[in-house]
Amino acid sequence: MDCDNASLTEIDACRICFSNDNTNTNPLLAPCKCIGSVKFSHLSCLKAWLNQSKLSQLSPRVHSYKWNNFGCEICKIKYPCNILSLFE
């Protein structure tokens, strides 16, 4: 995922919340191959989006989570399972 603050412009905004805030704790990411106005999403927005799309089964001893599609609905690229932040 692209986490480089220096490459962002003032018009780059999150495709989920439409905000262009970009912080070390909630960076704008380019998690897939989309371009243009749908390229970026905040880490927290992406996590909330994926959390809403999961199917869960809870039993006394086991909690199971499944995503039918763990990827971009637009370009169909699967999201990475790990995110390495470039910020300290």
PDB file of N, CA and C in Angstrom:
ATOM      1  N   MET A   1       0.829  -1.177   0.000  1.00  0.00           N
ATOM      2  CA  MET A   1       0.000   0.000   0.000  1.00  0.00           C
ATOM      3  C   MET A   1       0.872   1.238   0.000  1.00  0.00           C
ATOM      4  N   ASP A   2       0.417   2.223  -0.684  1.00  0.00           N
ATOM      5  CA  ASP A   2       1.147   3.476  -0.760  1.00  0.00           C
ATOM      6  C   ASP A   2       0.796   4.340   0.443  1.00  0.00           C
ATOM      7  N   CYS A   3       1.781   4.622   1.291  1.00  0.00           N
ATOM      8  CA  CYS A   3       1.557   5.447   2.483  1.00  0.00           C
ATOM      9  C   CYS A   3       2.399   6.711   2.435  1.00  0.00           C
ATOM     10  N   ASP A   4       2.858   7.103   1.282  1.00  0.00           N
ATOM     11  CA  ASP A   4       3.790   8.215   1.159  1.00  0.00           C
ATOM     12  C   ASP A   4       3.063   9.553   1.219  1.00  0.00           C
ATOM     13  N   ASN A   5       3.262  10.286   2.300  1.00  0.00           N
ATOM     14  CA  ASN A   5       2.639  11.605   2.487  1.00  0.00           C
ATOM     15  C   ASN A   5       3.068  12.603   1.421  1.00  0.00           C
ATOM     16  N   ALA A   6       4.301  12.517   0.964  1.00  0.00           N
ATOM     17  CA  ALA A   6       4.843  13.518   0.061  1.00  0.00           C
ATOM     18  C   ALA A   6       4.160  13.507  -1.300  1.00  0.00           C
ATOM     19  N   SER A   7       3.587  12.399  -1.716  1.00  0.00           N
ATOM     20  CA  SER A   7       2.994  12.309  -3.044  1.00  0.00           C
ATOM     21  C   SER A   7       1.542  12.770  -3.089  1.00  0.00           C
ATOM     22  N   LEU A   8       0.960  13.136  -1.953  1.00  0.00           N
ATOM     23  CA  LEU A   8      -0.434  13.562  -1.919  1.00  0.00           C
ATOM     24  C   LEU A   8      -0.560  15.029  -2.302  1.00  0.00           C
ATOM     25  N   THR A   9      -1.673  15.362  -2.977  1.00  0.00           N
ATOM     26  CA  THR A   9      -1.954  16.751  -3.305  1.00  0.00           C
ATOM     27  C   THR A   9      -3.169  17.193  -2.505  1.00  0.00           C
ATOM     28  N   GLU A  10      -3.502  18.479  -2.584  1.00  0.00           N
ATOM     29  CA  GLU A  10      -4.641  19.003  -1.831  1.00  0.00           C
ATOM     30  C   GLU A  10      -5.970  18.415  -2.285  1.00  0.00           C
ATOM     31  N   ILE A  11      -6.054  17.962  -3.530  1.00  0.00           N
ATOM     32  CA  ILE A  11      -7.329  17.441  -4.027  1.00  0.00           C
ATOM     33  C   ILE A  11      -7.488  15.940  -3.794  1.00  0.00           C
ATOM     34  N   ASP A  12      -6.450  15.254  -3.357  1.00  0.00           N
ATOM     35  CA  ASP A  12      -6.566  13.832  -3.042  1.00  0.00           C
ATOM     36  C   ASP A  12      -7.415  13.674  -1.793  1.00  0.00           C
ATOM     37  N   ALA A  13      -8.443  12.839  -1.872  1.00  0.00           N
ATOM     38  CA  ALA A  13      -9.362  12.673  -0.754  1.00  0.00           C
ATOM     39  C   ALA A  13      -9.782  11.221  -0.638  1.00  0.00           C
ATOM     40  N   CYS A  14     -10.254  10.850   0.521  1.00  0.00           N
ATOM     41  CA  CYS A  14     -10.739   9.510   0.797  1.00  0.00           C
ATOM     42  C   CYS A  14     -12.011   9.246  -0.005  1.00  0.00           C
ATOM     43  N   ARG A  15     -12.067   8.118  -0.680  1.00  0.00           N
ATOM     44  CA  ARG A  15     -13.250   7.794  -1.484  1.00  0.00           C
ATOM     45  C   ARG A  15     -14.438   7.364  -0.637  1.00  0.00           C
ATOM     46  N   ILE A  16     -14.217   7.137   0.656  1.00  0.00           N
ATOM     47  CA  ILE A  16     -15.299   6.719   1.545  1.00  0.00           C
ATOM     48  C   ILE A  16     -15.884   7.913   2.295  1.00  0.00           C
ATOM     49  N   CYS A  17     -15.038   8.720   2.936  1.00  0.00           N
ATOM     50  CA  CYS A  17     -15.543   9.856   3.726  1.00  0.00           C
ATOM     51  C   CYS A  17     -15.354  11.205   3.040  1.00  0.00           C
ATOM     52  N   PHE A  18     -14.622  11.242   1.930  1.00  0.00           N
ATOM     53  CA  PHE A  18     -14.379  12.437   1.122  1.00  0.00           C
ATOM     54  C   PHE A  18     -13.505  13.487   1.793  1.00  0.00           C
ATOM     55  N   SER A  19     -12.903  13.157   2.931  1.00  0.00           N
ATOM     56  CA  SER A  19     -12.003  14.086   3.620  1.00  0.00           C
ATOM     57  C   SER A  19     -10.597  13.932   3.056  1.00  0.00           C
ATOM     58  N   ASN A  20      -9.829  15.028   3.061  1.00  0.00           N
ATOM     59  CA  ASN A  20      -8.436  14.934   2.612  1.00  0.00           C
ATOM     60  C   ASN A  20      -7.458  15.008   3.785  1.00  0.00           C
ATOM     61  N   ASP A  21      -7.959  14.840   5.014  1.00  0.00           N
ATOM     62  CA  ASP A  21      -7.061  14.788   6.172  1.00  0.00           C
ATOM     63  C   ASP A  21      -6.135  13.597   6.017  1.00  0.00           C
ATOM     64  N   ASN A  22      -4.883  13.801   6.339  1.00  0.00           N
ATOM     65  CA  ASN A  22      -3.879  12.749   6.228  1.00  0.00           C
ATOM     66  C   ASN A  22      -2.943  12.862   7.421  1.00  0.00           C
ATOM     67  N   THR A  23      -3.064  11.929   8.352  1.00  0.00           N
ATOM     68  CA  THR A  23      -2.248  11.973   9.562  1.00  0.00           C
ATOM     69  C   THR A  23      -1.441  10.690   9.693  1.00  0.00           C
ATOM     70  N   ASN A  24      -0.474  10.698  10.591  1.00  0.00           N
ATOM     71  CA  ASN A  24       0.319   9.493  10.838  1.00  0.00           C
ATOM     72  C   ASN A  24      -0.531   8.375  11.423  1.00  0.00           C
ATOM     73  N   THR A  25      -1.542   8.716  12.192  1.00  0.00           N
ATOM     74  CA  THR A  25      -2.390   7.693  12.809  1.00  0.00           C
ATOM     75  C   THR A  25      -3.527   7.250  11.903  1.00  0.00           C
ATOM     76  N   ASN A  26      -3.880   8.061  10.915  1.00  0.00           N
ATOM     77  CA  ASN A  26      -4.943   7.704   9.975  1.00  0.00           C
ATOM     78  C   ASN A  26      -4.566   8.191   8.574  1.00  0.00           C
ATOM     79  N   PRO A  27      -3.578   7.518   7.967  1.00  0.00           N
ATOM     80  CA  PRO A  27      -3.086   7.985   6.663  1.00  0.00           C
ATOM     81  C   PRO A  27      -4.051   7.680   5.525  1.00  0.00           C
ATOM     82  N   LEU A  28      -3.929   8.465   4.462  1.00  0.00           N
ATOM     83  CA  LEU A  28      -4.609   8.147   3.216  1.00  0.00           C
ATOM     84  C   LEU A  28      -3.773   7.089   2.506  1.00  0.00           C
ATOM     85  N   LEU A  29      -4.390   5.980   2.151  1.00  0.00           N
ATOM     86  CA  LEU A  29      -3.704   4.873   1.511  1.00  0.00           C
ATOM     87  C   LEU A  29      -4.212   4.688   0.091  1.00  0.00           C
ATOM     88  N   ALA A  30      -3.393   4.115  -0.743  1.00  0.00           N
ATOM     89  CA  ALA A  30      -3.812   3.685  -2.075  1.00  0.00           C
ATOM     90  C   ALA A  30      -3.768   2.153  -2.042  1.00  0.00           C
ATOM     91  N   PRO A  31      -4.834   1.503  -1.533  1.00  0.00           N
ATOM     92  CA  PRO A  31      -4.790   0.069  -1.248  1.00  0.00           C
ATOM     93  C   PRO A  31      -4.972  -0.852  -2.456  1.00  0.00           C
ATOM     94  N   CYS A  32      -5.237  -0.274  -3.640  1.00  0.00           N
ATOM     95  CA  CYS A  32      -5.503  -1.128  -4.796  1.00  0.00           C
ATOM     96  C   CYS A  32      -4.962  -0.454  -6.062  1.00  0.00           C
ATOM     97  N   LYS A  33      -5.457  -0.852  -7.221  1.00  0.00           N
ATOM     98  CA  LYS A  33      -4.981  -0.302  -8.496  1.00  0.00           C
ATOM     99  C   LYS A  33      -5.870   0.820  -9.040  1.00  0.00           C
ATOM    100  N   CYS A  34      -6.881   1.247  -8.259  1.00  0.00           N
ATOM    101  CA  CYS A  34      -7.752   2.331  -8.706  1.00  0.00           C
ATOM    102  C   CYS A  34      -6.947   3.621  -8.870  1.00  0.00           C
ATOM    103  N   ILE A  35      -7.405   4.472  -9.772  1.00  0.00           N
ATOM    104  CA  ILE A  35      -6.739   5.755 -10.018  1.00  0.00           C
ATOM    105  C   ILE A  35      -7.767   6.874  -9.941  1.00  0.00           C
ATOM    106  N   GLY A  36      -7.308   8.100  -9.984  1.00  0.00           N
ATOM    107  CA  GLY A  36      -8.208   9.250  -9.987  1.00  0.00           C
ATOM    108  C   GLY A  36      -8.848   9.499  -8.642  1.00  0.00           C
ATOM    109  N   SER A  37     -10.118   9.893  -8.666  1.00  0.00           N
ATOM    110  CA  SER A  37     -10.803  10.308  -7.442  1.00  0.00           C
ATOM    111  C   SER A  37     -11.135   9.148  -6.507  1.00  0.00           C
ATOM    112  N   VAL A  38     -10.966   7.908  -6.931  1.00  0.00           N
ATOM    113  CA  VAL A  38     -11.249   6.755  -6.065  1.00  0.00           C
ATOM    114  C   VAL A  38      -9.972   6.026  -5.637  1.00  0.00           C
ATOM    115  N   LYS A  39      -8.833   6.656  -5.814  1.00  0.00           N
ATOM    116  CA  LYS A  39      -7.552   6.009  -5.503  1.00  0.00           C
ATOM    117  C   LYS A  39      -7.313   5.845  -4.004  1.00  0.00           C
ATOM    118  N   PHE A  40      -7.674   6.845  -3.204  1.00  0.00           N
ATOM    119  CA  PHE A  40      -7.290   6.851  -1.797  1.00  0.00           C
ATOM    120  C   PHE A  40      -8.430   6.516  -0.847  1.00  0.00           C
ATOM    121  N   SER A  41      -8.064   5.930   0.283  1.00  0.00           N
ATOM    122  CA  SER A  41      -8.995   5.775   1.402  1.00  0.00           C
ATOM    123  C   SER A  41      -8.182   5.850   2.692  1.00  0.00           C
ATOM    124  N   HIS A  42      -8.802   6.386   3.735  1.00  0.00           N
ATOM    125  CA  HIS A  42      -8.147   6.419   5.049  1.00  0.00           C
ATOM    126  C   HIS A  42      -8.054   5.000   5.593  1.00  0.00           C
ATOM    127  N   LEU A  43      -7.054   4.762   6.393  1.00  0.00           N
ATOM    128  CA  LEU A  43      -6.903   3.466   7.034  1.00  0.00           C
ATOM    129  C   LEU A  43      -8.140   3.138   7.859  1.00  0.00           C
ATOM    130  N   SER A  44      -8.637   4.095   8.648  1.00  0.00           N
ATOM    131  CA  SER A  44      -9.804   3.830   9.495  1.00  0.00           C
ATOM    132  C   SER A  44     -11.071   3.603   8.659  1.00  0.00           C
ATOM    133  N   CYS A  45     -11.216   4.323   7.551  1.00  0.00           N
ATOM    134  CA  CYS A  45     -12.385   4.130   6.683  1.00  0.00           C
ATOM    135  C   CYS A  45     -12.345   2.758   6.026  1.00  0.00           C
ATOM    136  N   LEU A  46     -11.164   2.342   5.579  1.00  0.00           N
ATOM    137  CA  LEU A  46     -11.017   1.031   4.959  1.00  0.00           C
ATOM    138  C   LEU A  46     -11.311  -0.081   5.961  1.00  0.00           C
ATOM    139  N   LYS A  47     -10.809   0.085   7.188  1.00  0.00           N
ATOM    140  CA  LYS A  47     -11.075  -0.913   8.230  1.00  0.00           C
ATOM    141  C   LYS A  47     -12.562  -1.001   8.545  1.00  0.00           C
ATOM    142  N   ALA A  48     -13.244   0.142   8.645  1.00  0.00           N
ATOM    143  CA  ALA A  48     -14.683   0.145   8.919  1.00  0.00           C
ATOM    144  C   ALA A  48     -15.451  -0.489   7.767  1.00  0.00           C
ATOM    145  N   TRP A  49     -15.068  -0.193   6.539  1.00  0.00           N
ATOM    146  CA  TRP A  49     -15.720  -0.761   5.348  1.00  0.00           C
ATOM    147  C   TRP A  49     -15.585  -2.286   5.349  1.00  0.00           C
ATOM    148  N   LEU A  50     -14.383  -2.770   5.609  1.00  0.00           N
ATOM    149  CA  LEU A  50     -14.156  -4.219   5.630  1.00  0.00           C
ATOM    150  C   LEU A  50     -14.858  -4.873   6.812  1.00  0.00           C
ATOM    151  N   ASN A  51     -14.908  -4.183   7.943  1.00  0.00           N
ATOM    152  CA  ASN A  51     -15.580  -4.726   9.121  1.00  0.00           C
ATOM    153  C   ASN A  51     -17.074  -4.908   8.866  1.00  0.00           C
ATOM    154  N   GLN A  52     -17.682  -3.989   8.119  1.00  0.00           N
ATOM    155  CA  GLN A  52     -19.105  -4.095   7.798  1.00  0.00           C
ATOM    156  C   GLN A  52     -19.394  -5.212   6.798  1.00  0.00           C
ATOM    157  N   SER A  53     -18.395  -5.602   6.018  1.00  0.00           N
ATOM    158  CA  SER A  53     -18.631  -6.609   4.987  1.00  0.00           C
ATOM    159  C   SER A  53     -18.283  -8.027   5.422  1.00  0.00           C
ATOM    160  N   LYS A  54     -17.897  -8.206   6.673  1.00  0.00           N
ATOM    161  CA  LYS A  54     -17.524  -9.544   7.126  1.00  0.00           C
ATOM    162  C   LYS A  54     -18.750 -10.320   7.604  1.00  0.00           C
ATOM    163  N   LEU A  55     -18.665 -11.616   7.472  1.00  0.00           N
ATOM    164  CA  LEU A  55     -19.657 -12.527   8.015  1.00  0.00           C
ATOM    165  C   LEU A  55     -19.039 -13.165   9.246  1.00  0.00           C
ATOM    166  N   SER A  56     -19.774 -13.223  10.338  1.00  0.00           N
ATOM    167  CA  SER A  56     -19.196 -13.799  11.551  1.00  0.00           C
ATOM    168  C   SER A  56     -20.114 -14.859  12.128  1.00  0.00           C
ATOM    169  N   GLN A  57     -19.483 -15.848  12.706  1.00  0.00           N
ATOM    170  CA  GLN A  57     -20.179 -16.895  13.444  1.00  0.00           C
ATOM    171  C   GLN A  57     -19.556 -16.951  14.820  1.00  0.00           C
ATOM    172  N   LEU A  58     -20.391 -16.804  15.823  1.00  0.00           N
ATOM    173  CA  LEU A  58     -19.901 -16.811  17.188  1.00  0.00           C
ATOM    174  C   LEU A  58     -20.507 -17.982  17.934  1.00  0.00           C
ATOM    175  N   SER A  59     -19.656 -18.744  18.574  1.00  0.00           N
ATOM    176  CA  SER A  59     -20.110 -19.826  19.436  1.00  0.00           C
ATOM    177  C   SER A  59     -19.346 -19.697  20.751  1.00  0.00           C
ATOM    178  N   PRO A  60     -19.691 -20.470  21.759  1.00  0.00           N
ATOM    179  CA  PRO A  60     -19.007 -20.310  23.046  1.00  0.00           C
ATOM    180  C   PRO A  60     -17.486 -20.445  22.970  1.00  0.00           C
ATOM    181  N   ARG A  61     -16.985 -21.275  22.059  1.00  0.00           N
ATOM    182  CA  ARG A  61     -15.535 -21.510  22.006  1.00  0.00           C
ATOM    183  C   ARG A  61     -14.846 -20.986  20.759  1.00  0.00           C
ATOM    184  N   VAL A  62     -15.614 -20.696  19.722  1.00  0.00           N
ATOM    185  CA  VAL A  62     -14.996 -20.308  18.451  1.00  0.00           C
ATOM    186  C   VAL A  62     -15.681 -19.066  17.879  1.00  0.00           C
ATOM    187  N   HIS A  63     -14.865 -18.152  17.416  1.00  0.00           N
ATOM    188  CA  HIS A  63     -15.358 -16.984  16.698  1.00  0.00           C
ATOM    189  C   HIS A  63     -14.767 -17.063  15.293  1.00  0.00           C
ATOM    190  N   SER A  64     -15.600 -17.153  14.288  1.00  0.00           N
ATOM    191  CA  SER A  64     -15.149 -17.255  12.901  1.00  0.00           C
ATOM    192  C   SER A  64     -15.556 -16.008  12.134  1.00  0.00           C
ATOM    193  N   TYR A  65     -14.639 -15.523  11.308  1.00  0.00           N
ATOM    194  CA  TYR A  65     -14.899 -14.360  10.471  1.00  0.00           C
ATOM    195  C   TYR A  65     -14.559 -14.707   9.035  1.00  0.00           C
ATOM    196  N   LYS A  66     -15.410 -14.283   8.118  1.00  0.00           N
ATOM    197  CA  LYS A  66     -15.182 -14.575   6.709  1.00  0.00           C
ATOM    198  C   LYS A  66     -15.574 -13.357   5.882  1.00  0.00           C
ATOM    199  N   TRP A  67     -14.762 -13.073   4.897  1.00  0.00           N
ATOM    200  CA  TRP A  67     -15.071 -12.021   3.937  1.00  0.00           C
ATOM    201  C   TRP A  67     -15.312 -12.695   2.599  1.00  0.00           C
ATOM    202  N   ASN A  68     -16.461 -12.413   2.000  1.00  0.00           N
ATOM    203  CA  ASN A  68     -16.722 -12.945   0.671  1.00  0.00           C
ATOM    204  C   ASN A  68     -15.790 -12.326  -0.357  1.00  0.00           C
ATOM    205  N   ASN A  69     -15.463 -11.076  -0.157  1.00  0.00           N
ATOM    206  CA  ASN A  69     -14.591 -10.370  -1.076  1.00  0.00           C
ATOM    207  C   ASN A  69     -13.695  -9.450  -0.263  1.00  0.00           C
ATOM    208  N   PHE A  70     -12.459  -9.838  -0.072  1.00  0.00           N
ATOM    209  CA  PHE A  70     -11.508  -9.024   0.682  1.00  0.00           C
ATOM    210  C   PHE A  70     -10.693  -8.200  -0.305  1.00  0.00           C
ATOM    211  N   GLY A  71     -11.394  -7.398  -1.092  1.00  0.00           N
ATOM    212  CA  GLY A  71     -10.716  -6.601  -2.095  1.00  0.00           C
ATOM    213  C   GLY A  71     -11.569  -5.455  -2.572  1.00  0.00           C
ATOM    214  N   CYS A  72     -11.021  -4.742  -3.517  1.00  0.00           N
ATOM    215  CA  CYS A  72     -11.679  -3.553  -4.069  1.00  0.00           C
ATOM    216  C   CYS A  72     -12.861  -3.968  -4.937  1.00  0.00           C
ATOM    217  N   GLU A  73     -13.995  -3.342  -4.696  1.00  0.00           N
ATOM    218  CA  GLU A  73     -15.192  -3.627  -5.483  1.00  0.00           C
ATOM    219  C   GLU A  73     -15.123  -2.998  -6.874  1.00  0.00           C
ATOM    220  N   ILE A  74     -14.197  -2.071  -7.062  1.00  0.00           N
ATOM    221  CA  ILE A  74     -14.091  -1.378  -8.352  1.00  0.00           C
ATOM    222  C   ILE A  74     -13.092  -2.089  -9.276  1.00  0.00           C
ATOM    223  N   CYS A  75     -11.840  -2.215  -8.831  1.00  0.00           N
ATOM    224  CA  CYS A  75     -10.802  -2.796  -9.696  1.00  0.00           C
ATOM    225  C   CYS A  75     -10.585  -4.292  -9.449  1.00  0.00           C
ATOM    226  N   LYS A  76     -11.223  -4.832  -8.414  1.00  0.00           N
ATOM    227  CA  LYS A  76     -11.193  -6.270  -8.097  1.00  0.00           C
ATOM    228  C   LYS A  76      -9.848  -6.785  -7.570  1.00  0.00           C
ATOM    229  N   ILE A  77      -8.931  -5.881  -7.225  1.00  0.00           N
ATOM    230  CA  ILE A  77      -7.643  -6.280  -6.641  1.00  0.00           C
ATOM    231  C   ILE A  77      -7.867  -6.625  -5.173  1.00  0.00           C
ATOM    232  N   LYS A  78      -7.261  -7.722  -4.714  1.00  0.00           N
ATOM    233  CA  LYS A  78      -7.376  -8.097  -3.302  1.00  0.00           C
ATOM    234  C   LYS A  78      -6.515  -7.158  -2.459  1.00  0.00           C
ATOM    235  N   TYR A  79      -7.072  -6.763  -1.313  1.00  0.00           N
ATOM    236  CA  TYR A  79      -6.318  -5.928  -0.388  1.00  0.00           C
ATOM    237  C   TYR A  79      -5.254  -6.771   0.305  1.00  0.00           C
ATOM    238  N   PRO A  80      -4.119  -6.166   0.641  1.00  0.00           N
ATOM    239  CA  PRO A  80      -3.095  -6.911   1.377  1.00  0.00           C
ATOM    240  C   PRO A  80      -3.570  -7.218   2.795  1.00  0.00           C
ATOM    241  N   CYS A  81      -3.088  -8.306   3.342  1.00  0.00           N
ATOM    242  CA  CYS A  81      -3.467  -8.684   4.711  1.00  0.00           C
ATOM    243  C   CYS A  81      -2.680  -7.895   5.749  1.00  0.00           C
ATOM    244  N   ASN A  82      -1.549  -7.354   5.372  1.00  0.00           N
ATOM    245  CA  ASN A  82      -0.711  -6.578   6.287  1.00  0.00           C
ATOM    246  C   ASN A  82      -0.430  -5.218   5.680  1.00  0.00           C
ATOM    247  N   ILE A  83      -0.348  -4.211   6.550  1.00  0.00           N
ATOM    248  CA  ILE A  83      -0.009  -2.857   6.113  1.00  0.00           C
ATOM    249  C   ILE A  83       1.222  -2.417   6.872  1.00  0.00           C
ATOM    250  N   LEU A  84       2.234  -2.015   6.137  1.00  0.00           N
ATOM    251  CA  LEU A  84       3.457  -1.493   6.735  1.00  0.00           C
ATOM    252  C   LEU A  84       3.425   0.014   6.606  1.00  0.00           C
ATOM    253  N   SER A  85       3.411   0.701   7.731  1.00  0.00           N
ATOM    254  CA  SER A  85       3.394   2.158   7.706  1.00  0.00           C
ATOM    255  C   SER A  85       4.802   2.681   7.515  1.00  0.00           C
ATOM    256  N   LEU A  86       4.928   3.733   6.723  1.00  0.00           N
ATOM    257  CA  LEU A  86       6.219   4.356   6.502  1.00  0.00           C
ATOM    258  C   LEU A  86       6.510   5.443   7.523  1.00  0.00           C
ATOM    259  N   PHE A  87       5.577   5.671   8.441  1.00  0.00           N
ATOM    260  CA  PHE A  87       5.715   6.720   9.442  1.00  0.00           C
ATOM    261  C   PHE A  87       6.199   6.128  10.757  1.00  0.00           C
ATOM    262  N   GLU A  88       6.909   6.935  11.508  1.00  0.00           N
ATOM    263  CA  GLU A  88       7.362   6.488  12.833  1.00  0.00           C
ATOM    264  C   GLU A  88       6.377   6.889  13.883  1.00  0.00           C
TER     265      GLU A  88
END
